[in-house]
Amino acid sequence: MAQYYYFVSSLPLLNFDQSPPMGVSSFLSECSALLQEKDYRILESVLLDRDCEFSSDFARNIREWFRAFNNALVVFRASRLGVGAEKWLRGMPDGYFSEMIKPVFQHDSVVGKQEALYKFVWSFLDECGAGHFFDLEALIVYGLRLSLLEARSVQTLERGASVFDKVFDNLKFSEIQEKLPFGESNDYR
């Protein structure tokens, strides 16, 4: 197994509470120039959630964990909405995660829930990275953390308000008025 001492040691440190120092695409670009082809293909397949003819037990385990984690989220959210989850499942749900994610949904706000989910994933990546310092596995963990930080960085209050405004603007006011209790008028415009 190849070791990437110089490359891994040159990467910026990632902290959960900070912005990502680069994007995943920049990271993959650097990796394509410095990693062996097989290692790059495995890394790319994990980060972009693609199938790959090459694989490693580590990469397979990571992908299976994320699949089971996402299935548990699907089942939990579907049950709260009173709909079937089968349409969105990828494989069989895992009961282990059903219990693990329940505390995440104890938060009152959507932002609190999302942050708790990110911390749950970050904690898993801590476990995966234990004992891996300069190998492909260390780069996979680094790339997944970078991906998580990149996802967090785009979720700002301003962006959320912008998305809300777009959705609200697209609603037909007559549809809203039909659903108002007690026949309230449309004097809210």
N, C-alpha and C. Protein backbone atom coordinates (compact mmCIF):
# COMPACT_ATOMS: atom_id res chain seq x y z
N MET A 1 0.84 -1.18 0.00
CA MET A 1 0.00 0.00 0.00
C MET A 1 0.89 1.25 0.00
N ALA A 2 0.55 2.18 -0.86
CA ALA A 2 1.34 3.40 -1.00
C ALA A 2 1.17 4.31 0.21
N GLN A 3 2.22 5.01 0.51
CA GLN A 3 2.21 6.01 1.56
C GLN A 3 2.45 7.37 0.91
N TYR A 4 1.71 8.37 1.34
CA TYR A 4 1.81 9.70 0.74
C TYR A 4 2.24 10.70 1.82
N TYR A 5 3.45 10.50 2.34
CA TYR A 5 3.95 11.29 3.46
C TYR A 5 3.94 12.79 3.18
N TYR A 6 4.58 13.18 2.09
CA TYR A 6 4.70 14.60 1.80
C TYR A 6 3.35 15.23 1.52
N PHE A 7 2.56 14.56 0.69
CA PHE A 7 1.27 15.13 0.30
C PHE A 7 0.35 15.30 1.51
N VAL A 8 0.17 14.26 2.31
CA VAL A 8 -0.73 14.33 3.46
C VAL A 8 -0.24 15.39 4.44
N SER A 9 1.07 15.44 4.68
CA SER A 9 1.59 16.41 5.65
C SER A 9 1.48 17.84 5.13
N SER A 10 1.34 18.02 3.81
CA SER A 10 1.21 19.37 3.26
C SER A 10 -0.23 19.87 3.24
N LEU A 11 -1.19 18.99 3.49
CA LEU A 11 -2.60 19.40 3.46
C LEU A 11 -2.94 20.25 4.68
N PRO A 12 -3.77 21.28 4.50
CA PRO A 12 -4.18 22.12 5.63
C PRO A 12 -5.01 21.31 6.65
N LEU A 13 -4.85 21.64 7.90
CA LEU A 13 -5.61 20.98 8.96
C LEU A 13 -7.09 21.34 8.83
N LEU A 14 -7.95 20.36 9.04
CA LEU A 14 -9.39 20.60 8.99
C LEU A 14 -9.97 20.58 10.40
N ASN A 15 -10.72 21.63 10.72
CA ASN A 15 -11.42 21.72 12.00
C ASN A 15 -12.91 21.85 11.74
N PHE A 16 -13.69 21.19 12.56
CA PHE A 16 -15.13 21.18 12.38
C PHE A 16 -15.74 22.58 12.37
N ASP A 17 -15.20 23.47 13.17
CA ASP A 17 -15.79 24.81 13.33
C ASP A 17 -15.20 25.86 12.39
N GLN A 18 -14.46 25.43 11.38
CA GLN A 18 -13.87 26.39 10.46
C GLN A 18 -14.32 26.11 9.03
N SER A 19 -14.13 27.12 8.19
CA SER A 19 -14.46 26.97 6.77
C SER A 19 -13.45 26.05 6.11
N PRO A 20 -13.86 25.38 5.05
CA PRO A 20 -12.91 24.50 4.36
C PRO A 20 -11.81 25.32 3.68
N PRO A 21 -10.56 24.88 3.74
CA PRO A 21 -9.47 25.63 3.11
C PRO A 21 -9.47 25.52 1.59
N MET A 22 -10.20 24.54 1.05
CA MET A 22 -10.32 24.34 -0.39
C MET A 22 -11.58 23.55 -0.65
N GLY A 23 -11.97 23.47 -1.89
CA GLY A 23 -13.13 22.66 -2.25
C GLY A 23 -12.73 21.23 -2.55
N VAL A 24 -13.70 20.35 -2.59
CA VAL A 24 -13.44 18.95 -2.90
C VAL A 24 -12.86 18.82 -4.30
N SER A 25 -13.35 19.61 -5.25
CA SER A 25 -12.83 19.52 -6.62
C SER A 25 -11.34 19.90 -6.67
N SER A 26 -10.92 20.90 -5.91
CA SER A 26 -9.50 21.27 -5.86
C SER A 26 -8.68 20.15 -5.23
N PHE A 27 -9.23 19.56 -4.17
CA PHE A 27 -8.55 18.45 -3.51
C PHE A 27 -8.38 17.28 -4.48
N LEU A 28 -9.43 16.94 -5.20
CA LEU A 28 -9.34 15.84 -6.17
C LEU A 28 -8.35 16.17 -7.29
N SER A 29 -8.31 17.40 -7.69
CA SER A 29 -7.36 17.81 -8.72
C SER A 29 -5.92 17.60 -8.24
N GLU A 30 -5.63 17.99 -7.01
CA GLU A 30 -4.30 17.77 -6.45
C GLU A 30 -4.01 16.28 -6.34
N CYS A 31 -5.00 15.52 -5.91
CA CYS A 31 -4.82 14.07 -5.75
C CYS A 31 -4.54 13.39 -7.08
N SER A 32 -5.21 13.84 -8.14
CA SER A 32 -5.02 13.20 -9.45
C SER A 32 -3.58 13.32 -9.92
N ALA A 33 -2.91 14.38 -9.52
CA ALA A 33 -1.52 14.58 -9.94
C ALA A 33 -0.53 13.81 -9.05
N LEU A 34 -0.93 13.46 -7.83
CA LEU A 34 0.04 12.91 -6.88
C LEU A 34 -0.19 11.46 -6.46
N LEU A 35 -1.38 10.95 -6.67
CA LEU A 35 -1.69 9.58 -6.23
C LEU A 35 -1.49 8.58 -7.37
N GLN A 36 -1.25 7.35 -6.97
CA GLN A 36 -1.24 6.28 -7.96
C GLN A 36 -2.65 6.20 -8.55
N GLU A 37 -2.72 5.79 -9.81
CA GLU A 37 -4.02 5.78 -10.50
C GLU A 37 -5.08 4.99 -9.76
N LYS A 38 -4.74 3.80 -9.30
CA LYS A 38 -5.71 2.96 -8.60
C LYS A 38 -6.20 3.64 -7.32
N ASP A 39 -5.29 4.23 -6.57
CA ASP A 39 -5.67 4.93 -5.33
C ASP A 39 -6.55 6.13 -5.63
N TYR A 40 -6.21 6.85 -6.70
CA TYR A 40 -7.04 8.00 -7.07
C TYR A 40 -8.45 7.56 -7.44
N ARG A 41 -8.56 6.49 -8.20
CA ARG A 41 -9.88 6.00 -8.60
C ARG A 41 -10.72 5.62 -7.38
N ILE A 42 -10.10 4.97 -6.40
CA ILE A 42 -10.82 4.58 -5.18
C ILE A 42 -11.27 5.83 -4.43
N LEU A 43 -10.36 6.78 -4.25
CA LEU A 43 -10.69 8.03 -3.55
C LEU A 43 -11.82 8.76 -4.25
N GLU A 44 -11.72 8.90 -5.55
CA GLU A 44 -12.75 9.59 -6.32
C GLU A 44 -14.10 8.88 -6.21
N SER A 45 -14.09 7.55 -6.23
CA SER A 45 -15.35 6.81 -6.15
C SER A 45 -16.03 7.02 -4.80
N VAL A 46 -15.25 7.12 -3.74
CA VAL A 46 -15.85 7.35 -2.42
C VAL A 46 -16.38 8.78 -2.32
N LEU A 47 -15.58 9.75 -2.72
CA LEU A 47 -15.99 11.15 -2.57
C LEU A 47 -17.14 11.54 -3.49
N LEU A 48 -17.21 10.93 -4.65
CA LEU A 48 -18.27 11.27 -5.59
C LEU A 48 -19.39 10.23 -5.60
N ASP A 49 -19.31 9.26 -4.68
CA ASP A 49 -20.31 8.20 -4.52
C ASP A 49 -20.57 7.49 -5.85
N ARG A 50 -19.49 7.02 -6.45
CA ARG A 50 -19.57 6.29 -7.72
C ARG A 50 -19.04 4.88 -7.51
N ASP A 51 -19.47 4.00 -8.37
CA ASP A 51 -18.90 2.65 -8.36
C ASP A 51 -17.54 2.69 -9.03
N CYS A 52 -16.69 1.76 -8.63
CA CYS A 52 -15.33 1.71 -9.15
C CYS A 52 -14.91 0.26 -9.31
N GLU A 53 -14.19 -0.02 -10.39
CA GLU A 53 -13.73 -1.41 -10.57
C GLU A 53 -12.67 -1.77 -9.54
N PHE A 54 -11.95 -0.77 -9.04
CA PHE A 54 -11.00 -0.99 -7.97
C PHE A 54 -11.72 -0.69 -6.66
N SER A 55 -11.32 -1.29 -5.63
CA SER A 55 -11.90 -0.95 -4.35
C SER A 55 -11.00 -1.46 -3.23
N SER A 56 -11.33 -1.06 -2.04
CA SER A 56 -10.62 -1.54 -0.86
C SER A 56 -11.67 -1.82 0.20
N ASP A 57 -11.31 -2.64 1.15
CA ASP A 57 -12.24 -2.93 2.24
C ASP A 57 -12.63 -1.65 2.97
N PHE A 58 -11.65 -0.77 3.16
CA PHE A 58 -11.90 0.49 3.85
C PHE A 58 -12.95 1.32 3.10
N ALA A 59 -12.76 1.46 1.79
CA ALA A 59 -13.69 2.24 0.97
C ALA A 59 -15.07 1.60 0.97
N ARG A 60 -15.12 0.29 0.86
CA ARG A 60 -16.41 -0.42 0.89
C ARG A 60 -17.11 -0.20 2.24
N ASN A 61 -16.37 -0.30 3.32
CA ASN A 61 -16.96 -0.11 4.66
C ASN A 61 -17.50 1.31 4.84
N ILE A 62 -16.76 2.29 4.35
CA ILE A 62 -17.22 3.69 4.43
C ILE A 62 -18.52 3.85 3.65
N ARG A 63 -18.54 3.34 2.43
CA ARG A 63 -19.74 3.48 1.59
C ARG A 63 -20.93 2.77 2.23
N GLU A 64 -20.71 1.59 2.80
CA GLU A 64 -21.79 0.86 3.47
C GLU A 64 -22.29 1.63 4.68
N TRP A 65 -21.37 2.24 5.43
CA TRP A 65 -21.77 3.03 6.60
C TRP A 65 -22.66 4.19 6.16
N PHE A 66 -22.24 4.92 5.15
CA PHE A 66 -23.03 6.07 4.68
C PHE A 66 -24.37 5.62 4.12
N ARG A 67 -24.41 4.49 3.43
CA ARG A 67 -25.67 3.98 2.90
C ARG A 67 -26.61 3.64 4.04
N ALA A 68 -26.10 2.94 5.07
CA ALA A 68 -26.94 2.58 6.22
C ALA A 68 -27.38 3.83 6.98
N PHE A 69 -26.49 4.78 7.13
CA PHE A 69 -26.80 6.04 7.82
C PHE A 69 -27.91 6.79 7.09
N ASN A 70 -27.77 6.92 5.77
CA ASN A 70 -28.79 7.62 4.98
C ASN A 70 -30.12 6.87 4.99
N ASN A 71 -30.08 5.54 4.96
CA ASN A 71 -31.32 4.76 5.05
C ASN A 71 -32.02 5.00 6.39
N ALA A 72 -31.26 5.09 7.47
CA ALA A 72 -31.85 5.35 8.78
C ALA A 72 -32.51 6.73 8.80
N LEU A 73 -31.87 7.70 8.18
CA LEU A 73 -32.47 9.05 8.09
C LEU A 73 -33.77 9.00 7.30
N VAL A 74 -33.76 8.27 6.21
CA VAL A 74 -34.96 8.14 5.37
C VAL A 74 -36.10 7.52 6.17
N VAL A 75 -35.82 6.42 6.87
CA VAL A 75 -36.85 5.74 7.65
C VAL A 75 -37.38 6.65 8.75
N PHE A 76 -36.49 7.34 9.45
CA PHE A 76 -36.91 8.21 10.54
C PHE A 76 -37.77 9.36 10.03
N ARG A 77 -37.31 10.02 8.98
CA ARG A 77 -38.08 11.16 8.43
C ARG A 77 -39.41 10.71 7.84
N ALA A 78 -39.40 9.58 7.15
CA ALA A 78 -40.65 9.07 6.56
C ALA A 78 -41.66 8.73 7.65
N SER A 79 -41.20 8.13 8.74
CA SER A 79 -42.14 7.78 9.81
C SER A 79 -42.72 9.03 10.47
N ARG A 80 -41.91 10.08 10.58
CA ARG A 80 -42.42 11.33 11.15
C ARG A 80 -43.43 11.99 10.23
N LEU A 81 -43.29 11.77 8.92
CA LEU A 81 -44.22 12.36 7.96
C LEU A 81 -45.41 11.45 7.66
N GLY A 82 -45.33 10.22 8.16
CA GLY A 82 -46.42 9.28 7.94
C GLY A 82 -46.47 8.72 6.52
N VAL A 83 -45.33 8.61 5.88
CA VAL A 83 -45.27 8.06 4.53
C VAL A 83 -44.33 6.85 4.52
N GLY A 84 -44.43 6.04 3.49
CA GLY A 84 -43.56 4.89 3.35
C GLY A 84 -42.16 5.31 2.90
N ALA A 85 -41.16 4.62 3.40
CA ALA A 85 -39.78 4.96 3.09
C ALA A 85 -39.19 4.16 1.94
N GLU A 86 -39.88 3.11 1.50
CA GLU A 86 -39.33 2.17 0.53
C GLU A 86 -38.83 2.85 -0.74
N LYS A 87 -39.52 3.86 -1.18
CA LYS A 87 -39.18 4.54 -2.43
C LYS A 87 -37.78 5.15 -2.40
N TRP A 88 -37.31 5.56 -1.22
CA TRP A 88 -36.05 6.28 -1.09
C TRP A 88 -34.91 5.43 -0.51
N LEU A 89 -35.22 4.22 -0.09
CA LEU A 89 -34.18 3.38 0.52
C LEU A 89 -33.22 2.84 -0.53
N ARG A 90 -31.97 2.72 -0.13
CA ARG A 90 -30.95 2.08 -0.96
C ARG A 90 -30.46 0.87 -0.18
N GLY A 91 -31.07 -0.26 -0.43
CA GLY A 91 -30.74 -1.45 0.34
C GLY A 91 -31.65 -1.56 1.55
N MET A 92 -31.25 -2.39 2.47
CA MET A 92 -32.05 -2.62 3.68
C MET A 92 -31.67 -1.63 4.79
N PRO A 93 -32.64 -1.14 5.55
CA PRO A 93 -32.31 -0.27 6.68
C PRO A 93 -31.64 -1.05 7.80
N ASP A 94 -30.81 -0.36 8.56
CA ASP A 94 -30.05 -0.97 9.65
C ASP A 94 -30.58 -0.43 10.97
N GLY A 95 -31.02 -1.31 11.85
CA GLY A 95 -31.60 -0.90 13.13
C GLY A 95 -30.62 -0.18 14.04
N TYR A 96 -29.33 -0.44 13.87
CA TYR A 96 -28.30 0.21 14.70
C TYR A 96 -28.41 1.73 14.60
N PHE A 97 -28.52 2.22 13.39
CA PHE A 97 -28.57 3.66 13.19
C PHE A 97 -29.88 4.28 13.65
N SER A 98 -30.94 3.50 13.61
CA SER A 98 -32.24 4.03 14.04
C SER A 98 -32.16 4.57 15.45
N GLU A 99 -31.46 3.87 16.32
CA GLU A 99 -31.30 4.32 17.70
C GLU A 99 -30.26 5.44 17.81
N MET A 100 -29.22 5.34 17.00
CA MET A 100 -28.12 6.31 17.08
C MET A 100 -28.54 7.72 16.67
N ILE A 101 -29.46 7.82 15.72
CA ILE A 101 -29.81 9.16 15.23
C ILE A 101 -30.96 9.81 15.99
N LYS A 102 -31.63 9.07 16.86
CA LYS A 102 -32.76 9.66 17.59
C LYS A 102 -32.38 10.92 18.36
N PRO A 103 -31.24 10.96 19.08
CA PRO A 103 -30.89 12.20 19.79
C PRO A 103 -30.70 13.40 18.87
N VAL A 104 -30.30 13.15 17.64
CA VAL A 104 -30.12 14.24 16.67
C VAL A 104 -31.42 14.99 16.47
N PHE A 105 -32.53 14.26 16.43
CA PHE A 105 -33.82 14.88 16.15
C PHE A 105 -34.50 15.45 17.39
N GLN A 106 -33.80 15.47 18.50
CA GLN A 106 -34.33 16.09 19.71
C GLN A 106 -34.18 17.61 19.66
N HIS A 107 -33.35 18.10 18.76
CA HIS A 107 -33.13 19.55 18.64
C HIS A 107 -34.41 20.22 18.14
N ASP A 108 -34.63 21.44 18.61
CA ASP A 108 -35.82 22.17 18.22
C ASP A 108 -35.73 22.76 16.82
N SER A 109 -34.55 23.18 16.44
CA SER A 109 -34.41 23.87 15.15
C SER A 109 -33.84 22.94 14.09
N VAL A 110 -34.13 23.26 12.86
CA VAL A 110 -33.59 22.52 11.73
C VAL A 110 -32.07 22.66 11.70
N VAL A 111 -31.58 23.85 12.01
CA VAL A 111 -30.14 24.10 12.02
C VAL A 111 -29.47 23.24 13.08
N GLY A 112 -30.07 23.14 14.25
CA GLY A 112 -29.53 22.31 15.32
C GLY A 112 -29.48 20.85 14.93
N LYS A 113 -30.52 20.38 14.25
CA LYS A 113 -30.55 18.99 13.78
C LYS A 113 -29.46 18.75 12.75
N GLN A 114 -29.31 19.67 11.81
CA GLN A 114 -28.29 19.51 10.77
C GLN A 114 -26.89 19.51 11.38
N GLU A 115 -26.64 20.41 12.31
CA GLU A 115 -25.33 20.46 12.97
C GLU A 115 -25.06 19.16 13.73
N ALA A 116 -26.07 18.63 14.39
CA ALA A 116 -25.91 17.36 15.12
C ALA A 116 -25.60 16.22 14.16
N LEU A 117 -26.24 16.22 12.99
CA LEU A 117 -25.94 15.20 11.98
C LEU A 117 -24.50 15.33 11.49
N TYR A 118 -24.07 16.56 11.24
CA TYR A 118 -22.69 16.77 10.81
C TYR A 118 -21.70 16.29 11.87
N LYS A 119 -21.99 16.58 13.13
CA LYS A 119 -21.10 16.13 14.21
C LYS A 119 -21.08 14.61 14.33
N PHE A 120 -22.21 13.98 14.09
CA PHE A 120 -22.30 12.52 14.12
C PHE A 120 -21.39 11.93 13.04
N VAL A 121 -21.45 12.48 11.84
CA VAL A 121 -20.61 12.00 10.74
C VAL A 121 -19.14 12.30 11.02
N TRP A 122 -18.85 13.49 11.54
CA TRP A 122 -17.46 13.87 11.86
C TRP A 122 -16.88 12.90 12.90
N SER A 123 -17.68 12.54 13.87
CA SER A 123 -17.24 11.58 14.89
C SER A 123 -16.93 10.22 14.26
N PHE A 124 -17.78 9.78 13.34
CA PHE A 124 -17.51 8.53 12.63
C PHE A 124 -16.19 8.62 11.87
N LEU A 125 -15.95 9.75 11.22
CA LEU A 125 -14.70 9.92 10.47
C LEU A 125 -13.49 9.93 11.39
N ASP A 126 -13.65 10.45 12.62
CA ASP A 126 -12.58 10.36 13.61
C ASP A 126 -12.21 8.90 13.86
N GLU A 127 -13.23 8.07 14.04
CA GLU A 127 -12.99 6.65 14.28
C GLU A 127 -12.31 6.00 13.08
N CYS A 128 -12.75 6.34 11.88
CA CYS A 128 -12.17 5.75 10.67
C CYS A 128 -10.71 6.16 10.49
N GLY A 129 -10.40 7.38 10.85
CA GLY A 129 -9.05 7.89 10.64
C GLY A 129 -8.03 7.40 11.66
N ALA A 130 -8.49 6.80 12.74
CA ALA A 130 -7.57 6.33 13.78
C ALA A 130 -6.60 5.31 13.19
N GLY A 131 -5.32 5.57 13.36
CA GLY A 131 -4.30 4.66 12.88
C GLY A 131 -3.91 4.86 11.42
N HIS A 132 -4.56 5.77 10.74
CA HIS A 132 -4.23 6.06 9.34
C HIS A 132 -3.68 7.48 9.27
N PHE A 133 -2.43 7.59 8.85
CA PHE A 133 -1.79 8.90 8.87
C PHE A 133 -1.35 9.39 7.49
N PHE A 134 -0.73 8.54 6.70
CA PHE A 134 -0.19 8.97 5.41
C PHE A 134 -0.60 8.06 4.26
N ASP A 135 -1.64 7.28 4.45
CA ASP A 135 -2.05 6.33 3.43
C ASP A 135 -3.33 6.78 2.72
N LEU A 136 -3.80 5.96 1.81
CA LEU A 136 -5.02 6.27 1.07
C LEU A 136 -6.20 6.46 2.02
N GLU A 137 -6.28 5.66 3.05
CA GLU A 137 -7.38 5.77 4.00
C GLU A 137 -7.40 7.15 4.67
N ALA A 138 -6.22 7.68 4.97
CA ALA A 138 -6.15 9.03 5.55
C ALA A 138 -6.67 10.07 4.56
N LEU A 139 -6.37 9.87 3.28
CA LEU A 139 -6.85 10.80 2.26
C LEU A 139 -8.36 10.68 2.04
N ILE A 140 -8.88 9.47 2.16
CA ILE A 140 -10.34 9.29 2.05
C ILE A 140 -11.04 10.02 3.19
N VAL A 141 -10.55 9.84 4.40
CA VAL A 141 -11.14 10.53 5.56
C VAL A 141 -11.02 12.03 5.39
N TYR A 142 -9.86 12.51 4.95
CA TYR A 142 -9.66 13.94 4.73
C TYR A 142 -10.66 14.47 3.70
N GLY A 143 -10.81 13.76 2.59
CA GLY A 143 -11.73 14.18 1.54
C GLY A 143 -13.17 14.22 2.01
N LEU A 144 -13.57 13.23 2.81
CA LEU A 144 -14.94 13.21 3.33
C LEU A 144 -15.17 14.35 4.33
N ARG A 145 -14.17 14.63 5.15
CA ARG A 145 -14.29 15.78 6.06
C ARG A 145 -14.38 17.09 5.28
N LEU A 146 -13.58 17.19 4.25
CA LEU A 146 -13.61 18.38 3.40
C LEU A 146 -14.98 18.54 2.75
N SER A 147 -15.54 17.45 2.31
CA SER A 147 -16.88 17.46 1.72
C SER A 147 -17.93 17.93 2.73
N LEU A 148 -17.82 17.45 3.95
CA LEU A 148 -18.74 17.85 5.01
C LEU A 148 -18.60 19.35 5.31
N LEU A 149 -17.37 19.83 5.41
CA LEU A 149 -17.15 21.25 5.68
C LEU A 149 -17.65 22.12 4.53
N GLU A 150 -17.48 21.63 3.32
CA GLU A 150 -17.97 22.37 2.15
C GLU A 150 -19.50 22.47 2.18
N ALA A 151 -20.15 21.37 2.54
CA ALA A 151 -21.62 21.39 2.65
C ALA A 151 -22.06 22.35 3.74
N ARG A 152 -21.36 22.36 4.87
CA ARG A 152 -21.71 23.28 5.97
C ARG A 152 -21.52 24.73 5.56
N SER A 153 -20.47 25.00 4.77
CA SER A 153 -20.13 26.39 4.46
C SER A 153 -21.18 27.07 3.57
N VAL A 154 -21.93 26.29 2.79
CA VAL A 154 -22.94 26.91 1.93
C VAL A 154 -24.27 27.10 2.65
N GLN A 155 -24.39 26.55 3.84
CA GLN A 155 -25.64 26.69 4.59
C GLN A 155 -25.55 27.89 5.53
N THR A 156 -25.77 29.05 4.95
CA THR A 156 -25.71 30.28 5.72
C THR A 156 -27.12 30.83 5.91
N LEU A 157 -27.25 31.72 6.84
CA LEU A 157 -28.54 32.36 7.11
C LEU A 157 -29.03 33.11 5.87
N GLU A 158 -28.11 33.80 5.19
CA GLU A 158 -28.49 34.57 4.01
C GLU A 158 -28.99 33.65 2.90
N ARG A 159 -28.29 32.54 2.68
CA ARG A 159 -28.71 31.60 1.64
C ARG A 159 -30.05 30.97 1.99
N GLY A 160 -30.24 30.63 3.24
CA GLY A 160 -31.51 30.06 3.68
C GLY A 160 -32.66 31.04 3.47
N ALA A 161 -32.43 32.31 3.80
CA ALA A 161 -33.46 33.33 3.59
C ALA A 161 -33.76 33.50 2.11
N SER A 162 -32.73 33.44 1.29
CA SER A 162 -32.92 33.57 -0.16
C SER A 162 -33.75 32.41 -0.71
N VAL A 163 -33.45 31.21 -0.29
CA VAL A 163 -34.21 30.04 -0.74
C VAL A 163 -35.65 30.14 -0.26
N PHE A 164 -35.85 30.54 0.98
CA PHE A 164 -37.20 30.70 1.51
C PHE A 164 -37.98 31.73 0.69
N ASP A 165 -37.34 32.86 0.40
CA ASP A 165 -38.01 33.90 -0.37
C ASP A 165 -38.41 33.40 -1.76
N LYS A 166 -37.54 32.64 -2.41
CA LYS A 166 -37.87 32.10 -3.73
C LYS A 166 -39.05 31.14 -3.65
N VAL A 167 -39.04 30.27 -2.66
CA VAL A 167 -40.15 29.32 -2.51
C VAL A 167 -41.44 30.06 -2.21
N PHE A 168 -41.39 31.02 -1.30
CA PHE A 168 -42.58 31.77 -0.92
C PHE A 168 -43.12 32.57 -2.10
N ASP A 169 -42.22 33.17 -2.89
CA ASP A 169 -42.66 33.94 -4.05
C ASP A 169 -43.35 33.07 -5.09
N ASN A 170 -42.97 31.81 -5.16
CA ASN A 170 -43.56 30.91 -6.15
C ASN A 170 -44.91 30.35 -5.72
N LEU A 171 -45.26 30.50 -4.47
CA LEU A 171 -46.57 30.04 -4.01
C LEU A 171 -47.65 30.96 -4.55
N LYS A 172 -48.74 30.40 -4.91
CA LYS A 172 -49.87 31.21 -5.35
C LYS A 172 -50.62 31.67 -4.11
N PHE A 173 -50.84 32.96 -4.01
CA PHE A 173 -51.48 33.50 -2.82
C PHE A 173 -52.89 32.95 -2.65
N SER A 174 -53.56 32.67 -3.76
CA SER A 174 -54.92 32.14 -3.65
C SER A 174 -54.92 30.77 -3.00
N GLU A 175 -53.86 29.97 -3.24
CA GLU A 175 -53.76 28.66 -2.59
C GLU A 175 -53.60 28.82 -1.08
N ILE A 176 -52.84 29.82 -0.69
CA ILE A 176 -52.64 30.07 0.73
C ILE A 176 -53.94 30.54 1.37
N GLN A 177 -54.65 31.44 0.68
CA GLN A 177 -55.88 31.99 1.22
C GLN A 177 -56.92 30.90 1.44
N GLU A 178 -56.96 29.92 0.53
CA GLU A 178 -57.92 28.83 0.69
C GLU A 178 -57.67 28.04 1.96
N LYS A 179 -56.44 28.02 2.42
CA LYS A 179 -56.07 27.22 3.58
C LYS A 179 -56.06 28.01 4.88
N LEU A 180 -56.36 29.32 4.81
CA LEU A 180 -56.37 30.14 6.02
C LEU A 180 -57.57 29.78 6.88
N PRO A 181 -57.38 29.73 8.18
CA PRO A 181 -58.51 29.40 9.05
C PRO A 181 -59.50 30.55 9.14
N PHE A 182 -60.74 30.21 9.38
CA PHE A 182 -61.80 31.18 9.66
C PHE A 182 -62.05 32.17 8.53
N GLY A 183 -61.72 31.80 7.29
CA GLY A 183 -62.02 32.65 6.15
C GLY A 183 -61.35 33.99 6.17
N GLU A 184 -60.13 34.07 6.68
CA GLU A 184 -59.41 35.35 6.73
C GLU A 184 -59.23 35.87 5.31
N SER A 185 -59.13 37.18 5.19
CA SER A 185 -59.00 37.80 3.88
C SER A 185 -57.53 37.86 3.47
N ASN A 186 -57.31 38.33 2.26
CA ASN A 186 -55.95 38.43 1.76
C ASN A 186 -55.36 39.81 1.99
N ASP A 187 -55.67 40.44 3.09
CA ASP A 187 -55.15 41.77 3.40
C ASP A 187 -53.68 41.74 3.79
N TYR A 188 -53.04 40.58 3.69
CA TYR A 188 -51.66 40.45 4.14
C TYR A 188 -50.66 40.89 3.09
N ARG A 189 -51.11 41.14 1.88
CA ARG A 189 -50.17 41.49 0.82
C ARG A 189 -49.60 42.82 1.06
